[in-house]
């Protein structure tokens, strides 16, 4: 049954049936131009929506007002269409397109992926789900503005002091004042790049964990860095990212179904595009529309 539900042909048949049913309902409701029927189901739906909104059932007068609004809406809708007010209206055209796409979305949602399909999707889109390198590190900042010509000398002296202290060094008391934290835990490579710049993040990936190293340049100045832990990037197992993979698979399936449905509809039309010959004609057409 799952294999059958995944067949695109079934999707098109179901979508065609839905469109046919919708057309039949509209045709039935508008078969008599001067006749409007507000069914008991519609009245009950109005009352239910009112109750959910206001947390109480509508009074008789309020329900009568809702029914009157519904009748007025139907009359205006029919008269506006009769006058052609729905034509060449960008908002209406976009809304109708959106409703057509909703129909294909509903059909695509019927398909449930198998484990093999999810595994294949994860493999084909590994970069989307790849876990980046992560770093836990401490740093001491040295300001080029404060240190001036002594920056290299001070960095060398401080690096020797830090290496002697090892991972017990009190980084908050050393170096120059810094706006960011001195300790970062499980920071991804992209996060490090946002905080310190691409050069710093790239160098961070080259440092050996367990010892003070530097100076490392950033957008702020230079840093002496102690990487205590580095986790290499990898593609996680399906079990660890199954929900995310399934969500992306369904979205891809939805887009594919929409595109296939559009391609089938396009076959029913002959499309002619008359392109302006020069930029001057484009300007004239734009001015004529204003």
C-alpha atoms as a PDB file:
ATOM      1  CA  UNK A   1       0.000   0.000   0.000  1.00  0.00           C
ATOM      2  CA  UNK A   2       2.853   2.411   0.845  1.00  0.00           C
ATOM      3  CA  UNK A   3       4.465   1.727  -2.537  1.00  0.00           C
ATOM      4  CA  UNK A   4       1.193   2.500  -4.298  1.00  0.00           C
ATOM      5  CA  UNK A   5       0.744   5.747  -2.351  1.00  0.00           C
ATOM      6  CA  UNK A   6       4.179   6.893  -3.510  1.00  0.00           C
ATOM      7  CA  UNK A   7       3.342   6.536  -7.194  1.00  0.00           C
ATOM      8  CA  UNK A   8       3.172   9.975  -8.960  1.00  0.00           C
ATOM      9  CA  UNK A   9       0.413   8.701 -11.251  1.00  0.00           C
ATOM     10  CA  UNK A  10      -1.811   8.068  -8.231  1.00  0.00           C
ATOM     11  CA  UNK A  11      -1.079  11.591  -7.038  1.00  0.00           C
ATOM     12  CA  UNK A  12      -2.270  13.037 -10.343  1.00  0.00           C
ATOM     13  CA  UNK A  13      -5.403  10.884 -10.320  1.00  0.00           C
ATOM     14  CA  UNK A  14      -6.260  11.932  -6.769  1.00  0.00           C
ATOM     15  CA  UNK A  15      -5.573  15.568  -7.556  1.00  0.00           C
ATOM     16  CA  UNK A  16      -7.716  15.356 -10.675  1.00  0.00           C
ATOM     17  CA  UNK A  17     -10.533  13.808  -8.652  1.00  0.00           C
ATOM     18  CA  UNK A  18     -10.240  16.572  -6.050  1.00  0.00           C
ATOM     19  CA  UNK A  19     -10.395  19.276  -8.698  1.00  0.00           C
ATOM     20  CA  UNK A  20     -13.339  17.598 -10.393  1.00  0.00           C
ATOM     21  CA  UNK A  21     -15.208  17.333  -7.085  1.00  0.00           C
ATOM     22  CA  UNK A  22     -14.457  20.966  -6.260  1.00  0.00           C
ATOM     23  CA  UNK A  23     -15.656  22.058  -9.700  1.00  0.00           C
ATOM     24  CA  UNK A  24     -18.820  20.010  -9.262  1.00  0.00           C
ATOM     25  CA  UNK A  25     -19.579  21.646  -5.930  1.00  0.00           C
ATOM     26  CA  UNK A  26     -19.029  25.132  -7.314  1.00  0.00           C
ATOM     27  CA  UNK A  27     -21.115  24.404 -10.383  1.00  0.00           C
ATOM     28  CA  UNK A  28     -23.907  23.016  -8.238  1.00  0.00           C
ATOM     29  CA  UNK A  29     -23.913  26.009  -5.904  1.00  0.00           C
ATOM     30  CA  UNK A  30     -23.918  28.547  -8.699  1.00  0.00           C
ATOM     31  CA  UNK A  31     -26.210  26.751 -11.123  1.00  0.00           C
ATOM     32  CA  UNK A  32     -28.963  29.185 -10.269  1.00  0.00           C
ATOM     33  CA  UNK A  33     -27.525  32.712 -10.609  1.00  0.00           C
ATOM     34  CA  UNK A  34     -30.270  34.237  -8.462  1.00  0.00           C
ATOM     35  CA  UNK A  35     -30.394  31.483  -5.863  1.00  0.00           C
ATOM     36  CA  UNK A  36     -28.248  31.379  -2.723  1.00  0.00           C
ATOM     37  CA  UNK A  37     -28.472  28.492  -0.277  1.00  0.00           C
ATOM     38  CA  UNK A  38     -26.791  28.684   3.150  1.00  0.00           C
ATOM     39  CA  UNK A  39     -26.858  25.089   4.328  1.00  0.00           C
ATOM     40  CA  UNK A  40     -27.353  23.921   7.900  1.00  0.00           C
ATOM     41  CA  UNK A  41     -23.758  22.696   7.872  1.00  0.00           C
ATOM     42  CA  UNK A  42     -22.503  26.171   6.999  1.00  0.00           C
ATOM     43  CA  UNK A  43     -24.571  27.741   9.771  1.00  0.00           C
ATOM     44  CA  UNK A  44     -23.204  25.190  12.250  1.00  0.00           C
ATOM     45  CA  UNK A  45     -19.675  25.935  11.078  1.00  0.00           C
ATOM     46  CA  UNK A  46     -20.198  29.684  11.607  1.00  0.00           C
ATOM     47  CA  UNK A  47     -21.485  29.033  15.122  1.00  0.00           C
ATOM     48  CA  UNK A  48     -18.545  26.750  15.901  1.00  0.00           C
ATOM     49  CA  UNK A  49     -15.967  29.280  14.691  1.00  0.00           C
ATOM     50  CA  UNK A  50     -17.679  32.002  16.750  1.00  0.00           C
ATOM     51  CA  UNK A  51     -17.638  29.755  19.844  1.00  0.00           C
ATOM     52  CA  UNK A  52     -13.926  28.953  19.430  1.00  0.00           C
ATOM     53  CA  UNK A  53     -13.109  32.645  19.058  1.00  0.00           C
ATOM     54  CA  UNK A  54     -15.247  34.043  21.862  1.00  0.00           C
ATOM     55  CA  UNK A  55     -15.448  30.936  24.084  1.00  0.00           C
ATOM     56  CA  UNK A  56     -19.234  30.998  24.088  1.00  0.00           C
ATOM     57  CA  UNK A  57     -21.988  30.185  21.589  1.00  0.00           C
ATOM     58  CA  UNK A  58     -23.429  33.082  19.582  1.00  0.00           C
ATOM     59  CA  UNK A  59     -26.762  34.608  20.500  1.00  0.00           C
ATOM     60  CA  UNK A  60     -29.595  34.389  17.980  1.00  0.00           C
ATOM     61  CA  UNK A  61     -28.947  37.983  16.903  1.00  0.00           C
ATOM     62  CA  UNK A  62     -25.215  37.323  16.509  1.00  0.00           C
ATOM     63  CA  UNK A  63     -25.848  34.189  14.456  1.00  0.00           C
ATOM     64  CA  UNK A  64     -28.306  36.090  12.262  1.00  0.00           C
ATOM     65  CA  UNK A  65     -25.606  38.717  11.733  1.00  0.00           C
ATOM     66  CA  UNK A  66     -23.094  36.045  10.691  1.00  0.00           C
ATOM     67  CA  UNK A  67     -25.585  34.581   8.221  1.00  0.00           C
ATOM     68  CA  UNK A  68     -26.334  38.028   6.805  1.00  0.00           C
ATOM     69  CA  UNK A  69     -22.606  38.661   6.301  1.00  0.00           C
ATOM     70  CA  UNK A  70     -22.248  35.309   4.550  1.00  0.00           C
ATOM     71  CA  UNK A  71     -25.120  36.108   2.176  1.00  0.00           C
ATOM     72  CA  UNK A  72     -23.687  39.568   1.501  1.00  0.00           C
ATOM     73  CA  UNK A  73     -20.273  38.046   0.806  1.00  0.00           C
ATOM     74  CA  UNK A  74     -21.776  35.552  -1.669  1.00  0.00           C
ATOM     75  CA  UNK A  75     -23.737  38.261  -3.472  1.00  0.00           C
ATOM     76  CA  UNK A  76     -20.737  40.567  -3.753  1.00  0.00           C
ATOM     77  CA  UNK A  77     -18.599  37.655  -4.895  1.00  0.00           C
ATOM     78  CA  UNK A  78     -21.004  36.731  -7.703  1.00  0.00           C
ATOM     79  CA  UNK A  79     -21.571  40.308  -8.789  1.00  0.00           C
ATOM     80  CA  UNK A  80     -17.841  41.080  -8.765  1.00  0.00           C
ATOM     81  CA  UNK A  81     -17.170  38.049 -10.969  1.00  0.00           C
ATOM     82  CA  UNK A  82     -20.004  39.049 -13.289  1.00  0.00           C
ATOM     83  CA  UNK A  83     -18.373  42.461 -13.681  1.00  0.00           C
ATOM     84  CA  UNK A  84     -15.007  40.826 -14.321  1.00  0.00           C
ATOM     85  CA  UNK A  85     -13.417  42.380 -11.246  1.00  0.00           C
ATOM     86  CA  UNK A  86     -11.510  39.162 -10.585  1.00  0.00           C
ATOM     87  CA  UNK A  87      -9.616  39.478 -13.847  1.00  0.00           C
ATOM     88  CA  UNK A  88      -6.096  40.870 -13.985  1.00  0.00           C
ATOM     89  CA  UNK A  89      -6.030  41.195 -10.212  1.00  0.00           C
ATOM     90  CA  UNK A  90      -2.595  40.177  -8.928  1.00  0.00           C
ATOM     91  CA  UNK A  91      -3.788  39.375  -5.408  1.00  0.00           C
ATOM     92  CA  UNK A  92      -6.599  37.122  -6.636  1.00  0.00           C
ATOM     93  CA  UNK A  93      -4.371  35.405  -9.183  1.00  0.00           C
ATOM     94  CA  UNK A  94      -1.737  34.663  -6.546  1.00  0.00           C
ATOM     95  CA  UNK A  95      -4.336  33.390  -4.093  1.00  0.00           C
ATOM     96  CA  UNK A  96      -5.832  31.029  -6.692  1.00  0.00           C
ATOM     97  CA  UNK A  97      -2.381  29.761  -7.597  1.00  0.00           C
ATOM     98  CA  UNK A  98      -1.694  29.201  -3.912  1.00  0.00           C
ATOM     99  CA  UNK A  99      -4.898  27.195  -3.520  1.00  0.00           C
ATOM    100  CA  UNK A 100      -3.949  25.014  -6.488  1.00  0.00           C
ATOM    101  CA  UNK A 101      -0.565  24.395  -4.883  1.00  0.00           C
ATOM    102  CA  UNK A 102      -2.292  23.530  -1.603  1.00  0.00           C
ATOM    103  CA  UNK A 103      -4.143  20.771  -3.436  1.00  0.00           C
ATOM    104  CA  UNK A 104      -0.912  19.208  -4.671  1.00  0.00           C
ATOM    105  CA  UNK A 105       0.633  19.653  -1.227  1.00  0.00           C
ATOM    106  CA  UNK A 106      -2.201  17.631   0.316  1.00  0.00           C
ATOM    107  CA  UNK A 107      -1.714  14.867  -2.239  1.00  0.00           C
ATOM    108  CA  UNK A 108       2.051  14.776  -1.688  1.00  0.00           C
ATOM    109  CA  UNK A 109       1.505  14.551   2.073  1.00  0.00           C
ATOM    110  CA  UNK A 110      -0.125  11.129   1.625  1.00  0.00           C
ATOM    111  CA  UNK A 111       3.233   9.544   0.800  1.00  0.00           C
ATOM    112  CA  UNK A 112       5.286   8.247   3.723  1.00  0.00           C
ATOM    113  CA  UNK A 113       8.991   7.533   3.136  1.00  0.00           C
ATOM    114  CA  UNK A 114      10.566   4.132   3.718  1.00  0.00           C
ATOM    115  CA  UNK A 115      13.791   3.745   5.681  1.00  0.00           C
ATOM    116  CA  UNK A 116      15.656   3.071   2.432  1.00  0.00           C
ATOM    117  CA  UNK A 117      14.337   6.286   0.900  1.00  0.00           C
ATOM    118  CA  UNK A 118      15.381   8.303   3.946  1.00  0.00           C
ATOM    119  CA  UNK A 119      18.809   6.686   3.993  1.00  0.00           C
ATOM    120  CA  UNK A 120      19.213   7.450   0.298  1.00  0.00           C
ATOM    121  CA  UNK A 121      18.134  11.052   0.806  1.00  0.00           C
ATOM    122  CA  UNK A 122      20.582  11.492   3.697  1.00  0.00           C
ATOM    123  CA  UNK A 123      23.394  10.089   1.566  1.00  0.00           C
ATOM    124  CA  UNK A 124      22.528  12.276  -1.432  1.00  0.00           C
ATOM    125  CA  UNK A 125      22.279  15.439   0.701  1.00  0.00           C
ATOM    126  CA  UNK A 126      25.016  14.708   3.225  1.00  0.00           C
ATOM    127  CA  UNK A 127      26.233  18.319   3.367  1.00  0.00           C
ATOM    128  CA  UNK A 128      22.802  19.516   4.489  1.00  0.00           C
ATOM    129  CA  UNK A 129      22.915  17.342   7.611  1.00  0.00           C
ATOM    130  CA  UNK A 130      26.659  17.279   8.242  1.00  0.00           C
ATOM    131  CA  UNK A 131      27.670  18.202  11.785  1.00  0.00           C
ATOM    132  CA  UNK A 132      30.433  20.805  11.712  1.00  0.00           C
ATOM    133  CA  UNK A 133      33.680  20.695  13.609  1.00  0.00           C
ATOM    134  CA  UNK A 134      33.228  21.902  17.164  1.00  0.00           C
ATOM    135  CA  UNK A 135      35.777  23.466  19.490  1.00  0.00           C
ATOM    136  CA  UNK A 136      36.046  24.049  23.211  1.00  0.00           C
ATOM    137  CA  UNK A 137      38.743  26.638  23.805  1.00  0.00           C
ATOM    138  CA  UNK A 138      40.029  29.484  25.955  1.00  0.00           C
ATOM    139  CA  UNK A 139      41.887  32.527  24.795  1.00  0.00           C
ATOM    140  CA  UNK A 140      43.752  35.589  25.984  1.00  0.00           C
ATOM    141  CA  UNK A 141      43.365  38.749  23.932  1.00  0.00           C
ATOM    142  CA  UNK A 142      46.087  41.264  23.112  1.00  0.00           C
ATOM    143  CA  UNK A 143      45.092  44.635  21.668  1.00  0.00           C
ATOM    144  CA  UNK A 144      47.271  46.016  18.841  1.00  0.00           C
ATOM    145  CA  UNK A 145      46.186  49.544  19.787  1.00  0.00           C
ATOM    146  CA  UNK A 146      47.353  49.146  23.388  1.00  0.00           C
ATOM    147  CA  UNK A 147      50.507  47.154  22.709  1.00  0.00           C
ATOM    148  CA  UNK A 148      51.681  48.983  19.604  1.00  0.00           C
ATOM    149  CA  UNK A 149      55.241  48.023  18.639  1.00  0.00           C
ATOM    150  CA  UNK A 150      55.498  45.751  21.681  1.00  0.00           C
ATOM    151  CA  UNK A 151      52.691  43.460  20.503  1.00  0.00           C
ATOM    152  CA  UNK A 152      54.928  40.632  19.241  1.00  0.00           C
ATOM    153  CA  UNK A 153      57.218  40.830  22.286  1.00  0.00           C
ATOM    154  CA  UNK A 154      54.331  40.851  24.766  1.00  0.00           C
ATOM    155  CA  UNK A 155      52.627  37.958  22.963  1.00  0.00           C
ATOM    156  CA  UNK A 156      55.806  35.855  23.171  1.00  0.00           C
ATOM    157  CA  UNK A 157      56.314  36.582  26.873  1.00  0.00           C
ATOM    158  CA  UNK A 158      52.691  35.902  27.741  1.00  0.00           C
ATOM    159  CA  UNK A 159      52.663  32.687  25.683  1.00  0.00           C
ATOM    160  CA  UNK A 160      55.634  31.382  27.712  1.00  0.00           C
ATOM    161  CA  UNK A 161      53.811  32.280  30.933  1.00  0.00           C
ATOM    162  CA  UNK A 162      50.644  30.532  29.781  1.00  0.00           C
ATOM    163  CA  UNK A 163      52.464  27.388  28.725  1.00  0.00           C
ATOM    164  CA  UNK A 164      54.028  27.186  32.154  1.00  0.00           C
ATOM    165  CA  UNK A 165      50.600  27.482  33.809  1.00  0.00           C
ATOM    166  CA  UNK A 166      48.996  25.073  31.308  1.00  0.00           C
ATOM    167  CA  UNK A 167      45.241  24.564  31.512  1.00  0.00           C
ATOM    168  CA  UNK A 168      45.191  26.120  34.998  1.00  0.00           C
ATOM    169  CA  UNK A 169      45.909  29.621  33.696  1.00  0.00           C
ATOM    170  CA  UNK A 170      43.450  32.313  34.824  1.00  0.00           C
ATOM    171  CA  UNK A 171      42.628  33.794  31.422  1.00  0.00           C
ATOM    172  CA  UNK A 172      40.269  36.412  32.863  1.00  0.00           C
ATOM    173  CA  UNK A 173      43.159  38.124  34.631  1.00  0.00           C
ATOM    174  CA  UNK A 174      45.595  38.080  31.719  1.00  0.00           C
ATOM    175  CA  UNK A 175      45.844  40.059  28.516  1.00  0.00           C
ATOM    176  CA  UNK A 176      43.708  43.063  27.591  1.00  0.00           C
ATOM    177  CA  UNK A 177      39.959  43.685  28.140  1.00  0.00           C
ATOM    178  CA  UNK A 178      37.779  41.914  25.596  1.00  0.00           C
ATOM    179  CA  UNK A 179      34.073  42.296  24.776  1.00  0.00           C
ATOM    180  CA  UNK A 180      33.411  38.568  24.308  1.00  0.00           C
ATOM    181  CA  UNK A 181      33.873  35.669  26.684  1.00  0.00           C
ATOM    182  CA  UNK A 182      37.248  34.087  27.385  1.00  0.00           C
ATOM    183  CA  UNK A 183      35.877  30.526  27.407  1.00  0.00           C
ATOM    184  CA  UNK A 184      33.868  28.953  24.580  1.00  0.00           C
ATOM    185  CA  UNK A 185      32.362  25.483  24.790  1.00  0.00           C
ATOM    186  CA  UNK A 186      31.338  23.319  21.807  1.00  0.00           C
ATOM    187  CA  UNK A 187      31.447  26.188  19.335  1.00  0.00           C
ATOM    188  CA  UNK A 188      31.013  25.194  15.672  1.00  0.00           C
ATOM    189  CA  UNK A 189      33.435  26.374  13.025  1.00  0.00           C
ATOM    190  CA  UNK A 190      30.790  28.663  11.499  1.00  0.00           C
ATOM    191  CA  UNK A 191      29.968  30.194  14.893  1.00  0.00           C
ATOM    192  CA  UNK A 192      33.667  30.814  15.546  1.00  0.00           C
ATOM    193  CA  UNK A 193      33.917  32.515  12.153  1.00  0.00           C
ATOM    194  CA  UNK A 194      30.966  34.790  12.978  1.00  0.00           C
ATOM    195  CA  UNK A 195      32.487  35.753  16.327  1.00  0.00           C
ATOM    196  CA  UNK A 196      36.167  36.104  15.430  1.00  0.00           C
ATOM    197  CA  UNK A 197      36.397  36.045  11.625  1.00  0.00           C
ATOM    198  CA  UNK A 198      37.243  33.448   8.992  1.00  0.00           C
ATOM    199  CA  UNK A 199      41.005  33.585   9.542  1.00  0.00           C
ATOM    200  CA  UNK A 200      40.656  32.848  13.254  1.00  0.00           C
ATOM    201  CA  UNK A 201      38.239  29.960  12.609  1.00  0.00           C
ATOM    202  CA  UNK A 202      40.516  28.436   9.968  1.00  0.00           C
ATOM    203  CA  UNK A 203      43.555  28.632  12.272  1.00  0.00           C
ATOM    204  CA  UNK A 204      41.515  27.198  15.133  1.00  0.00           C
ATOM    205  CA  UNK A 205      41.034  24.026  13.107  1.00  0.00           C
ATOM    206  CA  UNK A 206      44.822  23.652  12.716  1.00  0.00           C
ATOM    207  CA  UNK A 207      45.752  23.963  16.411  1.00  0.00           C
ATOM    208  CA  UNK A 208      46.625  20.845  18.374  1.00  0.00           C
ATOM    209  CA  UNK A 209      44.490  20.406  21.511  1.00  0.00           C
ATOM    210  CA  UNK A 210      46.090  20.479  24.949  1.00  0.00           C
ATOM    211  CA  UNK A 211      48.589  23.349  24.760  1.00  0.00           C
ATOM    212  CA  UNK A 212      48.705  27.137  24.497  1.00  0.00           C
ATOM    213  CA  UNK A 213      49.465  28.375  20.984  1.00  0.00           C
ATOM    214  CA  UNK A 214      49.515  31.610  19.057  1.00  0.00           C
ATOM    215  CA  UNK A 215      49.350  34.373  18.366  1.00  0.00           C
ATOM    216  CA  UNK A 216      46.193  33.791  16.314  1.00  0.00           C
ATOM    217  CA  UNK A 217      44.826  36.778  14.401  1.00  0.00           C
ATOM    218  CA  UNK A 218      41.159  37.787  14.443  1.00  0.00           C
ATOM    219  CA  UNK A 219      39.132  40.812  13.470  1.00  0.00           C
ATOM    220  CA  UNK A 220      39.866  42.278  16.909  1.00  0.00           C
ATOM    221  CA  UNK A 221      43.614  41.743  17.136  1.00  0.00           C
ATOM    222  CA  UNK A 222      45.625  38.715  18.283  1.00  0.00           C
ATOM    223  CA  UNK A 223      44.868  35.884  20.688  1.00  0.00           C
ATOM    224  CA  UNK A 224      46.728  33.176  22.542  1.00  0.00           C
ATOM    225  CA  UNK A 225      44.547  30.084  22.375  1.00  0.00           C
ATOM    226  CA  UNK A 226      44.219  26.833  24.320  1.00  0.00           C
ATOM    227  CA  UNK A 227      42.027  24.249  22.564  1.00  0.00           C
ATOM    228  CA  UNK A 228      40.912  21.708  25.136  1.00  0.00           C
ATOM    229  CA  UNK A 229      38.636  19.668  22.888  1.00  0.00           C
ATOM    230  CA  UNK A 230      37.950  19.360  19.174  1.00  0.00           C
ATOM    231  CA  UNK A 231      35.180  17.242  17.668  1.00  0.00           C
ATOM    232  CA  UNK A 232      35.554  16.451  14.003  1.00  0.00           C
ATOM    233  CA  UNK A 233      32.656  17.035  11.642  1.00  0.00           C
ATOM    234  CA  UNK A 234      30.708  14.049  10.365  1.00  0.00           C
ATOM    235  CA  UNK A 235      27.500  12.928   8.704  1.00  0.00           C
ATOM    236  CA  UNK A 236      25.274  11.647  11.528  1.00  0.00           C
ATOM    237  CA  UNK A 237      23.475   8.330  11.475  1.00  0.00           C
ATOM    238  CA  UNK A 238      19.904   8.372  10.199  1.00  0.00           C
ATOM    239  CA  UNK A 239      18.583   7.518  13.656  1.00  0.00           C
ATOM    240  CA  UNK A 240      20.097  10.740  15.039  1.00  0.00           C
ATOM    241  CA  UNK A 241      18.544  13.061  12.436  1.00  0.00           C
ATOM    242  CA  UNK A 242      15.560  11.068  11.225  1.00  0.00           C
ATOM    243  CA  UNK A 243      12.978  13.789  11.888  1.00  0.00           C
ATOM    244  CA  UNK A 244      15.012  16.417  10.029  1.00  0.00           C
ATOM    245  CA  UNK A 245      15.678  14.072   7.091  1.00  0.00           C
ATOM    246  CA  UNK A 246      11.995  13.098   6.859  1.00  0.00           C
ATOM    247  CA  UNK A 247      10.956  16.758   6.951  1.00  0.00           C
ATOM    248  CA  UNK A 248      13.351  17.613   4.118  1.00  0.00           C
ATOM    249  CA  UNK A 249      12.336  14.515   2.142  1.00  0.00           C
ATOM    250  CA  UNK A 250       8.670  15.466   2.349  1.00  0.00           C
ATOM    251  CA  UNK A 251       9.404  19.025   1.292  1.00  0.00           C
ATOM    252  CA  UNK A 252      11.382  17.759  -1.711  1.00  0.00           C
ATOM    253  CA  UNK A 253       8.531  15.386  -2.545  1.00  0.00           C
ATOM    254  CA  UNK A 254       6.040  18.263  -2.332  1.00  0.00           C
ATOM    255  CA  UNK A 255       8.079  20.412  -4.705  1.00  0.00           C
ATOM    256  CA  UNK A 256       8.508  17.498  -7.099  1.00  0.00           C
ATOM    257  CA  UNK A 257       4.770  16.782  -7.105  1.00  0.00           C
ATOM    258  CA  UNK A 258       3.950  20.447  -7.705  1.00  0.00           C
ATOM    259  CA  UNK A 259       6.391  20.602 -10.608  1.00  0.00           C
ATOM    260  CA  UNK A 260       5.070  17.408 -12.213  1.00  0.00           C
ATOM    261  CA  UNK A 261       1.482  18.581 -11.872  1.00  0.00           C
ATOM    262  CA  UNK A 262       2.367  21.934 -13.437  1.00  0.00           C
ATOM    263  CA  UNK A 263       4.157  20.162 -16.285  1.00  0.00           C
ATOM    264  CA  UNK A 264       1.018  18.102 -16.986  1.00  0.00           C
ATOM    265  CA  UNK A 265      -1.187  21.214 -16.947  1.00  0.00           C
ATOM    266  CA  UNK A 266       1.227  23.052 -19.219  1.00  0.00           C
ATOM    267  CA  UNK A 267       0.715  20.413 -21.901  1.00  0.00           C
ATOM    268  CA  UNK A 268      -2.887  21.613 -22.261  1.00  0.00           C
ATOM    269  CA  UNK A 269      -1.820  25.121 -23.288  1.00  0.00           C
ATOM    270  CA  UNK A 270      -0.040  26.760 -26.171  1.00  0.00           C
ATOM    271  CA  UNK A 271       2.104  29.519 -24.691  1.00  0.00           C
ATOM    272  CA  UNK A 272       3.227  32.471 -26.809  1.00  0.00           C
ATOM    273  CA  UNK A 273       5.562  35.062 -25.329  1.00  0.00           C
ATOM    274  CA  UNK A 274       5.923  38.326 -27.197  1.00  0.00           C
ATOM    275  CA  UNK A 275       9.117  39.953 -26.020  1.00  0.00           C
ATOM    276  CA  UNK A 276       9.891  43.678 -26.513  1.00  0.00           C
ATOM    277  CA  UNK A 277      12.723  44.278 -28.946  1.00  0.00           C
ATOM    278  CA  UNK A 278      14.476  46.967 -26.957  1.00  0.00           C
ATOM    279  CA  UNK A 279      14.628  48.634 -23.557  1.00  0.00           C
ATOM    280  CA  UNK A 280      12.710  51.600 -24.948  1.00  0.00           C
ATOM    281  CA  UNK A 281       9.678  49.408 -25.630  1.00  0.00           C
ATOM    282  CA  UNK A 282       9.763  48.112 -22.053  1.00  0.00           C
ATOM    283  CA  UNK A 283       9.640  51.688 -20.808  1.00  0.00           C
ATOM    284  CA  UNK A 284       6.722  52.522 -23.105  1.00  0.00           C
ATOM    285  CA  UNK A 285       4.763  49.450 -21.917  1.00  0.00           C
ATOM    286  CA  UNK A 286       5.387  50.347 -18.293  1.00  0.00           C
ATOM    287  CA  UNK A 287       4.225  53.915 -18.854  1.00  0.00           C
ATOM    288  CA  UNK A 288       1.117  52.696 -20.685  1.00  0.00           C
ATOM    289  CA  UNK A 289       0.134  50.560 -17.664  1.00  0.00           C
ATOM    290  CA  UNK A 290       0.365  53.534 -15.292  1.00  0.00           C
END
